[in-house]
Amino acid sequence: AALNQCSDSDDIETANGYNIYTSTGCDHNNTNSGRVALVEVFDSGHHPISRGIEPFLISSANVIAECPFRGPIFYYEPDCKLIDLDSTRLAWEFIRQFQSF
């Protein structure tokens, strides 16, 4: 919020597996009409990848079978977890609130 020069404090929406932090009153062409959002996905590591849903299911298990983050240098198992979050839907719900002038 500070980076985007937002004047209003964060609104926090908690859902199953994630939080959405939203700030308003952000600088947009000196109008303070901008809005920003940050999604925090719980227990997802640094590379959250969705398991998907049929017919685009990546894996029936919640882990990446051949995960490169299990090898030397990384050894960070949370990065090998698949998540059950439709981030495309979340992004669309945020973007569709706005219109272009």
PDB file of N, CA and C in Angstrom:
ATOM      1  N   ALA A   1       0.823  -1.182   0.000  1.00  0.00           N
ATOM      2  CA  ALA A   1       0.000   0.000   0.000  1.00  0.00           C
ATOM      3  C   ALA A   1       0.875   1.257   0.000  1.00  0.00           C
ATOM      4  N   ALA A   2       1.930   1.252   0.767  1.00  0.00           N
ATOM      5  CA  ALA A   2       2.801   2.429   0.823  1.00  0.00           C
ATOM      6  C   ALA A   2       3.457   2.699  -0.530  1.00  0.00           C
ATOM      7  N   LEU A   3       3.877   1.660  -1.214  1.00  0.00           N
ATOM      8  CA  LEU A   3       4.507   1.803  -2.516  1.00  0.00           C
ATOM      9  C   LEU A   3       3.565   2.456  -3.529  1.00  0.00           C
ATOM     10  N   ASN A   4       2.275   2.171  -3.419  1.00  0.00           N
ATOM     11  CA  ASN A   4       1.276   2.730  -4.324  1.00  0.00           C
ATOM     12  C   ASN A   4       0.651   4.014  -3.787  1.00  0.00           C
ATOM     13  N   GLN A   5       1.211   4.549  -2.714  1.00  0.00           N
ATOM     14  CA  GLN A   5       0.767   5.794  -2.098  1.00  0.00           C
ATOM     15  C   GLN A   5      -0.723   5.765  -1.754  1.00  0.00           C
ATOM     16  N   CYS A   6      -1.149   4.706  -1.073  1.00  0.00           N
ATOM     17  CA  CYS A   6      -2.545   4.557  -0.680  1.00  0.00           C
ATOM     18  C   CYS A   6      -2.797   5.297   0.629  1.00  0.00           C
ATOM     19  N   SER A   7      -3.940   5.959   0.700  1.00  0.00           N
ATOM     20  CA  SER A   7      -4.261   6.716   1.903  1.00  0.00           C
ATOM     21  C   SER A   7      -5.121   5.935   2.884  1.00  0.00           C
ATOM     22  N   ASP A   8      -5.872   4.953   2.404  1.00  0.00           N
ATOM     23  CA  ASP A   8      -6.751   4.179   3.271  1.00  0.00           C
ATOM     24  C   ASP A   8      -6.079   2.893   3.712  1.00  0.00           C
ATOM     25  N   SER A   9      -6.404   2.460   4.919  1.00  0.00           N
ATOM     26  CA  SER A   9      -5.787   1.248   5.459  1.00  0.00           C
ATOM     27  C   SER A   9      -6.306   0.000   4.760  1.00  0.00           C
ATOM     28  N   ASP A  10      -5.609  -1.089   4.998  1.00  0.00           N
ATOM     29  CA  ASP A  10      -5.948  -2.362   4.374  1.00  0.00           C
ATOM     30  C   ASP A  10      -7.273  -2.911   4.880  1.00  0.00           C
ATOM     31  N   ASP A  11      -8.032  -3.458   3.940  1.00  0.00           N
ATOM     32  CA  ASP A  11      -9.204  -4.254   4.257  1.00  0.00           C
ATOM     33  C   ASP A  11      -8.765  -5.698   4.056  1.00  0.00           C
ATOM     34  N   ILE A  12      -9.034  -6.568   5.018  1.00  0.00           N
ATOM     35  CA  ILE A  12      -8.577  -7.958   4.927  1.00  0.00           C
ATOM     36  C   ILE A  12      -9.779  -8.871   4.786  1.00  0.00           C
ATOM     37  N   GLU A  13      -9.786  -9.644   3.698  1.00  0.00           N
ATOM     38  CA  GLU A  13     -10.816 -10.659   3.466  1.00  0.00           C
ATOM     39  C   GLU A  13     -10.151 -12.016   3.655  1.00  0.00           C
ATOM     40  N   THR A  14     -10.668 -12.799   4.572  1.00  0.00           N
ATOM     41  CA  THR A  14     -10.122 -14.119   4.835  1.00  0.00           C
ATOM     42  C   THR A  14     -11.039 -15.163   4.218  1.00  0.00           C
ATOM     43  N   ALA A  15     -10.455 -16.071   3.465  1.00  0.00           N
ATOM     44  CA  ALA A  15     -11.216 -17.153   2.830  1.00  0.00           C
ATOM     45  C   ALA A  15     -10.501 -18.462   3.118  1.00  0.00           C
ATOM     46  N   ASN A  16     -11.000 -19.533   2.564  1.00  0.00           N
ATOM     47  CA  ASN A  16     -10.421 -20.851   2.782  1.00  0.00           C
ATOM     48  C   ASN A  16      -9.079 -20.973   2.065  1.00  0.00           C
ATOM     49  N   GLY A  17      -7.990 -20.826   2.797  1.00  0.00           N
ATOM     50  CA  GLY A  17      -6.664 -21.007   2.229  1.00  0.00           C
ATOM     51  C   GLY A  17      -5.948 -19.741   1.801  1.00  0.00           C
ATOM     52  N   TYR A  18      -6.603 -18.576   1.937  1.00  0.00           N
ATOM     53  CA  TYR A  18      -5.932 -17.344   1.520  1.00  0.00           C
ATOM     54  C   TYR A  18      -6.539 -16.109   2.186  1.00  0.00           C
ATOM     55  N   ASN A  19      -5.784 -15.032   2.187  1.00  0.00           N
ATOM     56  CA  ASN A  19      -6.239 -13.697   2.591  1.00  0.00           C
ATOM     57  C   ASN A  19      -6.090 -12.775   1.399  1.00  0.00           C
ATOM     58  N   ILE A  20      -6.989 -11.789   1.284  1.00  0.00           N
ATOM     59  CA  ILE A  20      -6.838 -10.726   0.289  1.00  0.00           C
ATOM     60  C   ILE A  20      -6.767  -9.412   1.050  1.00  0.00           C
ATOM     61  N   TYR A  21      -5.661  -8.691   0.885  1.00  0.00           N
ATOM     62  CA  TYR A  21      -5.461  -7.385   1.494  1.00  0.00           C
ATOM     63  C   TYR A  21      -5.733  -6.335   0.415  1.00  0.00           C
ATOM     64  N   THR A  22      -6.703  -5.456   0.646  1.00  0.00           N
ATOM     65  CA  THR A  22      -7.071  -4.451  -0.337  1.00  0.00           C
ATOM     66  C   THR A  22      -6.879  -3.064   0.265  1.00  0.00           C
ATOM     67  N   SER A  23      -6.268  -2.167  -0.496  1.00  0.00           N
ATOM     68  CA  SER A  23      -6.098  -0.779  -0.082  1.00  0.00           C
ATOM     69  C   SER A  23      -6.703   0.128  -1.141  1.00  0.00           C
ATOM     70  N   THR A  24      -7.311   1.221  -0.694  1.00  0.00           N
ATOM     71  CA  THR A  24      -7.925   2.182  -1.608  1.00  0.00           C
ATOM     72  C   THR A  24      -7.319   3.565  -1.387  1.00  0.00           C
ATOM     73  N   GLY A  25      -7.749   4.507  -2.207  1.00  0.00           N
ATOM     74  CA  GLY A  25      -7.211   5.859  -2.103  1.00  0.00           C
ATOM     75  C   GLY A  25      -5.770   5.925  -2.580  1.00  0.00           C
ATOM     76  N   CYS A  26      -5.411   5.067  -3.525  1.00  0.00           N
ATOM     77  CA  CYS A  26      -4.040   4.998  -4.025  1.00  0.00           C
ATOM     78  C   CYS A  26      -3.845   5.992  -5.164  1.00  0.00           C
ATOM     79  N   ASP A  27      -2.642   6.477  -5.309  1.00  0.00           N
ATOM     80  CA  ASP A  27      -2.351   7.481  -6.330  1.00  0.00           C
ATOM     81  C   ASP A  27      -2.545   6.906  -7.728  1.00  0.00           C
ATOM     82  N   HIS A  28      -3.439   7.512  -8.481  1.00  0.00           N
ATOM     83  CA  HIS A  28      -3.678   7.147  -9.887  1.00  0.00           C
ATOM     84  C   HIS A  28      -3.896   8.456 -10.631  1.00  0.00           C
ATOM     85  N   ASN A  29      -2.870   8.909 -11.317  1.00  0.00           N
ATOM     86  CA  ASN A  29      -2.934  10.194 -12.041  1.00  0.00           C
ATOM     87  C   ASN A  29      -3.371  11.330 -11.124  1.00  0.00           C
ATOM     88  N   ASN A  30      -2.855  11.325  -9.891  1.00  0.00           N
ATOM     89  CA  ASN A  30      -3.136  12.345  -8.880  1.00  0.00           C
ATOM     90  C   ASN A  30      -4.610  12.450  -8.512  1.00  0.00           C
ATOM     91  N   THR A  31      -5.369  11.371  -8.620  1.00  0.00           N
ATOM     92  CA  THR A  31      -6.795  11.395  -8.271  1.00  0.00           C
ATOM     93  C   THR A  31      -7.106  10.635  -6.992  1.00  0.00           C
ATOM     94  N   ASN A  32      -6.158   9.874  -6.479  1.00  0.00           N
ATOM     95  CA  ASN A  32      -6.361   9.025  -5.302  1.00  0.00           C
ATOM     96  C   ASN A  32      -7.547   8.074  -5.482  1.00  0.00           C
ATOM     97  N   SER A  33      -7.772   7.641  -6.718  1.00  0.00           N
ATOM     98  CA  SER A  33      -8.892   6.745  -6.999  1.00  0.00           C
ATOM     99  C   SER A  33      -8.439   5.309  -7.261  1.00  0.00           C
ATOM    100  N   GLY A  34      -7.153   5.057  -7.125  1.00  0.00           N
ATOM    101  CA  GLY A  34      -6.638   3.723  -7.388  1.00  0.00           C
ATOM    102  C   GLY A  34      -6.934   2.757  -6.254  1.00  0.00           C
ATOM    103  N   ARG A  35      -6.869   1.478  -6.578  1.00  0.00           N
ATOM    104  CA  ARG A  35      -7.100   0.417  -5.601  1.00  0.00           C
ATOM    105  C   ARG A  35      -6.115  -0.703  -5.888  1.00  0.00           C
ATOM    106  N   VAL A  36      -5.501  -1.258  -4.855  1.00  0.00           N
ATOM    107  CA  VAL A  36      -4.565  -2.365  -5.026  1.00  0.00           C
ATOM    108  C   VAL A  36      -4.978  -3.525  -4.133  1.00  0.00           C
ATOM    109  N   ALA A  37      -4.575  -4.737  -4.543  1.00  0.00           N
ATOM    110  CA  ALA A  37      -4.879  -5.930  -3.752  1.00  0.00           C
ATOM    111  C   ALA A  37      -3.674  -6.852  -3.753  1.00  0.00           C
ATOM    112  N   LEU A  38      -3.483  -7.527  -2.650  1.00  0.00           N
ATOM    113  CA  LEU A  38      -2.427  -8.523  -2.497  1.00  0.00           C
ATOM    114  C   LEU A  38      -3.076  -9.795  -1.992  1.00  0.00           C
ATOM    115  N   VAL A  39      -2.786 -10.918  -2.648  1.00  0.00           N
ATOM    116  CA  VAL A  39      -3.325 -12.210  -2.222  1.00  0.00           C
ATOM    117  C   VAL A  39      -2.217 -12.985  -1.523  1.00  0.00           C
ATOM    118  N   GLU A  40      -2.490 -13.401  -0.299  1.00  0.00           N
ATOM    119  CA  GLU A  40      -1.567 -14.235   0.474  1.00  0.00           C
ATOM    120  C   GLU A  40      -2.147 -15.643   0.500  1.00  0.00           C
ATOM    121  N   VAL A  41      -1.438 -16.601  -0.093  1.00  0.00           N
ATOM    122  CA  VAL A  41      -1.895 -17.986  -0.138  1.00  0.00           C
ATOM    123  C   VAL A  41      -1.163 -18.754   0.962  1.00  0.00           C
ATOM    124  N   PHE A  42      -1.920 -19.363   1.860  1.00  0.00           N
ATOM    125  CA  PHE A  42      -1.332 -20.078   2.998  1.00  0.00           C
ATOM    126  C   PHE A  42      -0.635 -21.363   2.537  1.00  0.00           C
ATOM    127  N   ASP A  43       0.483 -21.674   3.151  1.00  0.00           N
ATOM    128  CA  ASP A  43       1.205 -22.937   2.942  1.00  0.00           C
ATOM    129  C   ASP A  43       1.456 -23.254   1.478  1.00  0.00           C
ATOM    130  N   SER A  44       1.838 -22.256   0.710  1.00  0.00           N
ATOM    131  CA  SER A  44       2.039 -22.488  -0.726  1.00  0.00           C
ATOM    132  C   SER A  44       3.491 -22.378  -1.162  1.00  0.00           C
ATOM    133  N   GLY A  45       4.369 -21.997  -0.276  1.00  0.00           N
ATOM    134  CA  GLY A  45       5.762 -21.826  -0.677  1.00  0.00           C
ATOM    135  C   GLY A  45       5.925 -20.594  -1.560  1.00  0.00           C
ATOM    136  N   HIS A  46       6.997 -20.564  -2.319  1.00  0.00           N
ATOM    137  CA  HIS A  46       7.294 -19.410  -3.178  1.00  0.00           C
ATOM    138  C   HIS A  46       6.724 -19.538  -4.578  1.00  0.00           C
ATOM    139  N   HIS A  47       6.256 -20.701  -4.956  1.00  0.00           N
ATOM    140  CA  HIS A  47       5.793 -20.958  -6.322  1.00  0.00           C
ATOM    141  C   HIS A  47       4.433 -21.647  -6.288  1.00  0.00           C
ATOM    142  N   PRO A  48       3.363 -20.923  -5.894  1.00  0.00           N
ATOM    143  CA  PRO A  48       2.060 -21.591  -5.798  1.00  0.00           C
ATOM    144  C   PRO A  48       1.534 -22.001  -7.173  1.00  0.00           C
ATOM    145  N   ILE A  49       1.278 -23.281  -7.331  1.00  0.00           N
ATOM    146  CA  ILE A  49       0.757 -23.824  -8.585  1.00  0.00           C
ATOM    147  C   ILE A  49      -0.537 -24.559  -8.249  1.00  0.00           C
ATOM    148  N   SER A  50      -1.587 -24.225  -8.972  1.00  0.00           N
ATOM    149  CA  SER A  50      -2.883 -24.845  -8.739  1.00  0.00           C
ATOM    150  C   SER A  50      -2.899 -26.283  -9.261  1.00  0.00           C
ATOM    151  N   ARG A  51      -3.595 -27.171  -8.544  1.00  0.00           N
ATOM    152  CA  ARG A  51      -3.791 -28.542  -9.017  1.00  0.00           C
ATOM    153  C   ARG A  51      -4.654 -28.553 -10.267  1.00  0.00           C
ATOM    154  N   GLY A  52      -5.491 -27.539 -10.424  1.00  0.00           N
ATOM    155  CA  GLY A  52      -6.417 -27.504 -11.545  1.00  0.00           C
ATOM    156  C   GLY A  52      -7.663 -28.308 -11.229  1.00  0.00           C
ATOM    157  N   ILE A  53      -8.593 -28.319 -12.168  1.00  0.00           N
ATOM    158  CA  ILE A  53      -9.809 -29.115 -12.047  1.00  0.00           C
ATOM    159  C   ILE A  53     -10.025 -29.826 -13.368  1.00  0.00           C
ATOM    160  N   GLU A  54     -10.795 -30.904 -13.331  1.00  0.00           N
ATOM    161  CA  GLU A  54     -11.059 -31.655 -14.562  1.00  0.00           C
ATOM    162  C   GLU A  54     -11.683 -30.743 -15.603  1.00  0.00           C
ATOM    163  N   PRO A  55     -11.315 -30.790 -16.832  1.00  0.00           N
ATOM    164  CA  PRO A  55     -10.427 -31.754 -17.472  1.00  0.00           C
ATOM    165  C   PRO A  55      -8.958 -31.316 -17.453  1.00  0.00           C
ATOM    166  N   PHE A  56      -8.622 -30.313 -16.642  1.00  0.00           N
ATOM    167  CA  PHE A  56      -7.254 -29.791 -16.620  1.00  0.00           C
ATOM    168  C   PHE A  56      -6.546 -30.081 -15.309  1.00  0.00           C
ATOM    169  N   LEU A  57      -6.853 -31.209 -14.699  1.00  0.00           N
ATOM    170  CA  LEU A  57      -6.252 -31.601 -13.425  1.00  0.00           C
ATOM    171  C   LEU A  57      -4.798 -32.004 -13.651  1.00  0.00           C
ATOM    172  N   ILE A  58      -3.883 -31.344 -12.959  1.00  0.00           N
ATOM    173  CA  ILE A  58      -2.459 -31.638 -13.085  1.00  0.00           C
ATOM    174  C   ILE A  58      -2.113 -32.935 -12.364  1.00  0.00           C
ATOM    175  N   SER A  59      -2.672 -33.088 -11.165  1.00  0.00           N
ATOM    176  CA  SER A  59      -2.347 -34.261 -10.353  1.00  0.00           C
ATOM    177  C   SER A  59      -3.482 -34.521  -9.371  1.00  0.00           C
ATOM    178  N   SER A  60      -3.758 -35.782  -9.103  1.00  0.00           N
ATOM    179  CA  SER A  60      -4.769 -36.101  -8.093  1.00  0.00           C
ATOM    180  C   SER A  60      -4.178 -35.955  -6.691  1.00  0.00           C
ATOM    181  N   ALA A  61      -2.870 -35.972  -6.602  1.00  0.00           N
ATOM    182  CA  ALA A  61      -2.183 -35.752  -5.319  1.00  0.00           C
ATOM    183  C   ALA A  61      -1.932 -34.252  -5.148  1.00  0.00           C
ATOM    184  N   ASN A  62      -1.597 -33.836  -3.958  1.00  0.00           N
ATOM    185  CA  ASN A  62      -1.334 -32.419  -3.696  1.00  0.00           C
ATOM    186  C   ASN A  62       0.135 -32.054  -3.788  1.00  0.00           C
ATOM    187  N   VAL A  63       0.925 -32.866  -4.506  1.00  0.00           N
ATOM    188  CA  VAL A  63       2.346 -32.580  -4.639  1.00  0.00           C
ATOM    189  C   VAL A  63       2.781 -32.740  -6.093  1.00  0.00           C
ATOM    190  N   ILE A  64       3.841 -32.060  -6.451  1.00  0.00           N
ATOM    191  CA  ILE A  64       4.439 -32.186  -7.776  1.00  0.00           C
ATOM    192  C   ILE A  64       5.353 -33.404  -7.734  1.00  0.00           C
ATOM    193  N   ALA A  65       5.100 -34.377  -8.585  1.00  0.00           N
ATOM    194  CA  ALA A  65       5.861 -35.634  -8.545  1.00  0.00           C
ATOM    195  C   ALA A  65       7.357 -35.414  -8.761  1.00  0.00           C
ATOM    196  N   GLU A  66       7.740 -34.778  -9.825  1.00  0.00           N
ATOM    197  CA  GLU A  66       9.152 -34.525 -10.137  1.00  0.00           C
ATOM    198  C   GLU A  66       9.468 -33.065  -9.826  1.00  0.00           C
ATOM    199  N   CYS A  67       9.471 -32.726  -8.573  1.00  0.00           N
ATOM    200  CA  CYS A  67       9.634 -31.337  -8.145  1.00  0.00           C
ATOM    201  C   CYS A  67      11.109 -30.931  -8.102  1.00  0.00           C
ATOM    202  N   PRO A  68      11.499 -29.899  -8.846  1.00  0.00           N
ATOM    203  CA  PRO A  68      12.900 -29.466  -8.845  1.00  0.00           C
ATOM    204  C   PRO A  68      13.343 -28.843  -7.524  1.00  0.00           C
ATOM    205  N   PHE A  69      12.386 -28.455  -6.667  1.00  0.00           N
ATOM    206  CA  PHE A  69      12.744 -27.817  -5.405  1.00  0.00           C
ATOM    207  C   PHE A  69      13.063 -28.821  -4.306  1.00  0.00           C
ATOM    208  N   ARG A  70      13.021 -30.116  -4.620  1.00  0.00           N
ATOM    209  CA  ARG A  70      13.435 -31.144  -3.668  1.00  0.00           C
ATOM    210  C   ARG A  70      14.920 -31.433  -3.776  1.00  0.00           C
ATOM    211  N   GLY A  71      15.558 -30.981  -4.824  1.00  0.00           N
ATOM    212  CA  GLY A  71      16.952 -31.308  -5.083  1.00  0.00           C
ATOM    213  C   GLY A  71      17.930 -30.396  -4.385  1.00  0.00           C
ATOM    214  N   PRO A  72      19.210 -30.599  -4.699  1.00  0.00           N
ATOM    215  CA  PRO A  72      20.258 -29.774  -4.102  1.00  0.00           C
ATOM    216  C   PRO A  72      20.003 -28.295  -4.313  1.00  0.00           C
ATOM    217  N   ILE A  73      20.468 -27.534  -3.447  1.00  0.00           N
ATOM    218  CA  ILE A  73      20.381 -26.082  -3.357  1.00  0.00           C
ATOM    219  C   ILE A  73      19.071 -25.668  -2.684  1.00  0.00           C
ATOM    220  N   PHE A  74      17.921 -26.186  -3.126  1.00  0.00           N
ATOM    221  CA  PHE A  74      16.629 -25.708  -2.629  1.00  0.00           C
ATOM    222  C   PHE A  74      16.165 -26.452  -1.380  1.00  0.00           C
ATOM    223  N   TYR A  75      15.841 -27.727  -1.507  1.00  0.00           N
ATOM    224  CA  TYR A  75      15.304 -28.537  -0.420  1.00  0.00           C
ATOM    225  C   TYR A  75      14.193 -27.818   0.343  1.00  0.00           C
ATOM    226  N   TYR A  76      13.192 -27.349  -0.387  1.00  0.00           N
ATOM    227  CA  TYR A  76      12.085 -26.630   0.242  1.00  0.00           C
ATOM    228  C   TYR A  76      10.769 -27.280  -0.178  1.00  0.00           C
ATOM    229  N   GLU A  77      10.303 -28.215   0.615  1.00  0.00           N
ATOM    230  CA  GLU A  77       9.126 -29.019   0.276  1.00  0.00           C
ATOM    231  C   GLU A  77       7.849 -28.205   0.034  1.00  0.00           C
ATOM    232  N   PRO A  78       7.585 -27.101   0.760  1.00  0.00           N
ATOM    233  CA  PRO A  78       6.363 -26.344   0.449  1.00  0.00           C
ATOM    234  C   PRO A  78       6.285 -25.881  -1.005  1.00  0.00           C
ATOM    235  N   ASP A  79       7.402 -25.697  -1.670  1.00  0.00           N
ATOM    236  CA  ASP A  79       7.378 -25.310  -3.075  1.00  0.00           C
ATOM    237  C   ASP A  79       6.969 -26.467  -3.980  1.00  0.00           C
ATOM    238  N   CYS A  80       6.843 -27.657  -3.437  1.00  0.00           N
ATOM    239  CA  CYS A  80       6.434 -28.824  -4.219  1.00  0.00           C
ATOM    240  C   CYS A  80       4.961 -29.150  -4.027  1.00  0.00           C
ATOM    241  N   LYS A  81       4.241 -28.340  -3.238  1.00  0.00           N
ATOM    242  CA  LYS A  81       2.823 -28.550  -2.994  1.00  0.00           C
ATOM    243  C   LYS A  81       1.994 -27.909  -4.091  1.00  0.00           C
ATOM    244  N   LEU A  82       0.928 -28.588  -4.483  1.00  0.00           N
ATOM    245  CA  LEU A  82      -0.064 -27.997  -5.383  1.00  0.00           C
ATOM    246  C   LEU A  82      -1.190 -27.445  -4.522  1.00  0.00           C
ATOM    247  N   ILE A  83      -1.780 -26.344  -4.946  1.00  0.00           N
ATOM    248  CA  ILE A  83      -2.837 -25.714  -4.153  1.00  0.00           C
ATOM    249  C   ILE A  83      -4.184 -25.875  -4.843  1.00  0.00           C
ATOM    250  N   ASP A  84      -5.242 -25.723  -4.078  1.00  0.00           N
ATOM    251  CA  ASP A  84      -6.613 -25.800  -4.601  1.00  0.00           C
ATOM    252  C   ASP A  84      -7.227 -24.407  -4.622  1.00  0.00           C
ATOM    253  N   LEU A  85      -6.603 -23.482  -5.304  1.00  0.00           N
ATOM    254  CA  LEU A  85      -7.074 -22.105  -5.368  1.00  0.00           C
ATOM    255  C   LEU A  85      -7.160 -21.674  -6.823  1.00  0.00           C
ATOM    256  N   ASP A  86      -8.298 -21.164  -7.229  1.00  0.00           N
ATOM    257  CA  ASP A  86      -8.490 -20.677  -8.587  1.00  0.00           C
ATOM    258  C   ASP A  86      -8.054 -19.216  -8.645  1.00  0.00           C
ATOM    259  N   SER A  87      -6.762 -18.994  -8.827  1.00  0.00           N
ATOM    260  CA  SER A  87      -6.225 -17.630  -8.833  1.00  0.00           C
ATOM    261  C   SER A  87      -6.702 -16.830 -10.041  1.00  0.00           C
ATOM    262  N   THR A  88      -7.026 -17.507 -11.137  1.00  0.00           N
ATOM    263  CA  THR A  88      -7.567 -16.806 -12.300  1.00  0.00           C
ATOM    264  C   THR A  88      -8.920 -16.188 -11.953  1.00  0.00           C
ATOM    265  N   ARG A  89      -9.758 -16.931 -11.235  1.00  0.00           N
ATOM    266  CA  ARG A  89     -11.054 -16.401 -10.809  1.00  0.00           C
ATOM    267  C   ARG A  89     -10.878 -15.213  -9.874  1.00  0.00           C
ATOM    268  N   LEU A  90      -9.927 -15.308  -8.929  1.00  0.00           N
ATOM    269  CA  LEU A  90      -9.674 -14.199  -8.013  1.00  0.00           C
ATOM    270  C   LEU A  90      -9.241 -12.949  -8.773  1.00  0.00           C
ATOM    271  N   ALA A  91      -8.337 -13.119  -9.731  1.00  0.00           N
ATOM    272  CA  ALA A  91      -7.860 -11.980 -10.517  1.00  0.00           C
ATOM    273  C   ALA A  91      -9.007 -11.366 -11.308  1.00  0.00           C
ATOM    274  N   TRP A  92      -9.839 -12.205 -11.929  1.00  0.00           N
ATOM    275  CA  TRP A  92     -10.958 -11.701 -12.716  1.00  0.00           C
ATOM    276  C   TRP A  92     -11.949 -10.945 -11.830  1.00  0.00           C
ATOM    277  N   GLU A  93     -12.250 -11.457 -10.642  1.00  0.00           N
ATOM    278  CA  GLU A  93     -13.174 -10.773  -9.734  1.00  0.00           C
ATOM    279  C   GLU A  93     -12.644  -9.399  -9.337  1.00  0.00           C
ATOM    280  N   PHE A  94     -11.332  -9.262  -9.232  1.00  0.00           N
ATOM    281  CA  PHE A  94     -10.741  -7.960  -8.914  1.00  0.00           C
ATOM    282  C   PHE A  94     -10.788  -7.037 -10.132  1.00  0.00           C
ATOM    283  N   ILE A  95     -10.367  -7.512 -11.280  1.00  0.00           N
ATOM    284  CA  ILE A  95     -10.253  -6.678 -12.476  1.00  0.00           C
ATOM    285  C   ILE A  95     -11.614  -6.225 -13.001  1.00  0.00           C
ATOM    286  N   ARG A  96     -12.612  -7.075 -12.945  1.00  0.00           N
ATOM    287  CA  ARG A  96     -13.902  -6.738 -13.538  1.00  0.00           C
ATOM    288  C   ARG A  96     -14.637  -5.612 -12.821  1.00  0.00           C
ATOM    289  N   GLN A  97     -14.119  -5.186 -11.665  1.00  0.00           N
ATOM    290  CA  GLN A  97     -14.717  -4.066 -10.946  1.00  0.00           C
ATOM    291  C   GLN A  97     -14.454  -2.723 -11.605  1.00  0.00           C
ATOM    292  N   PHE A  98     -13.499  -2.695 -12.522  1.00  0.00           N
ATOM    293  CA  PHE A  98     -13.037  -1.431 -13.072  1.00  0.00           C
ATOM    294  C   PHE A  98     -13.417  -1.304 -14.544  1.00  0.00           C
ATOM    295  N   GLN A  99     -13.440  -0.081 -15.015  1.00  0.00           N
ATOM    296  CA  GLN A  99     -13.699   0.177 -16.419  1.00  0.00           C
ATOM    297  C   GLN A  99     -12.704   1.190 -16.942  1.00  0.00           C
ATOM    298  N   SER A 100     -12.468   1.153 -18.216  1.00  0.00           N
ATOM    299  CA  SER A 100     -11.546   2.083 -18.857  1.00  0.00           C
ATOM    300  C   SER A 100     -12.319   3.275 -19.390  1.00  0.00           C
ATOM    301  N   PHE A 101     -11.753   4.462 -19.230  1.00  0.00           N
ATOM    302  CA  PHE A 101     -12.395   5.673 -19.752  1.00  0.00           C
ATOM    303  C   PHE A 101     -11.679   6.177 -20.968  1.00  0.00           C
TER     304      PHE A 101
END
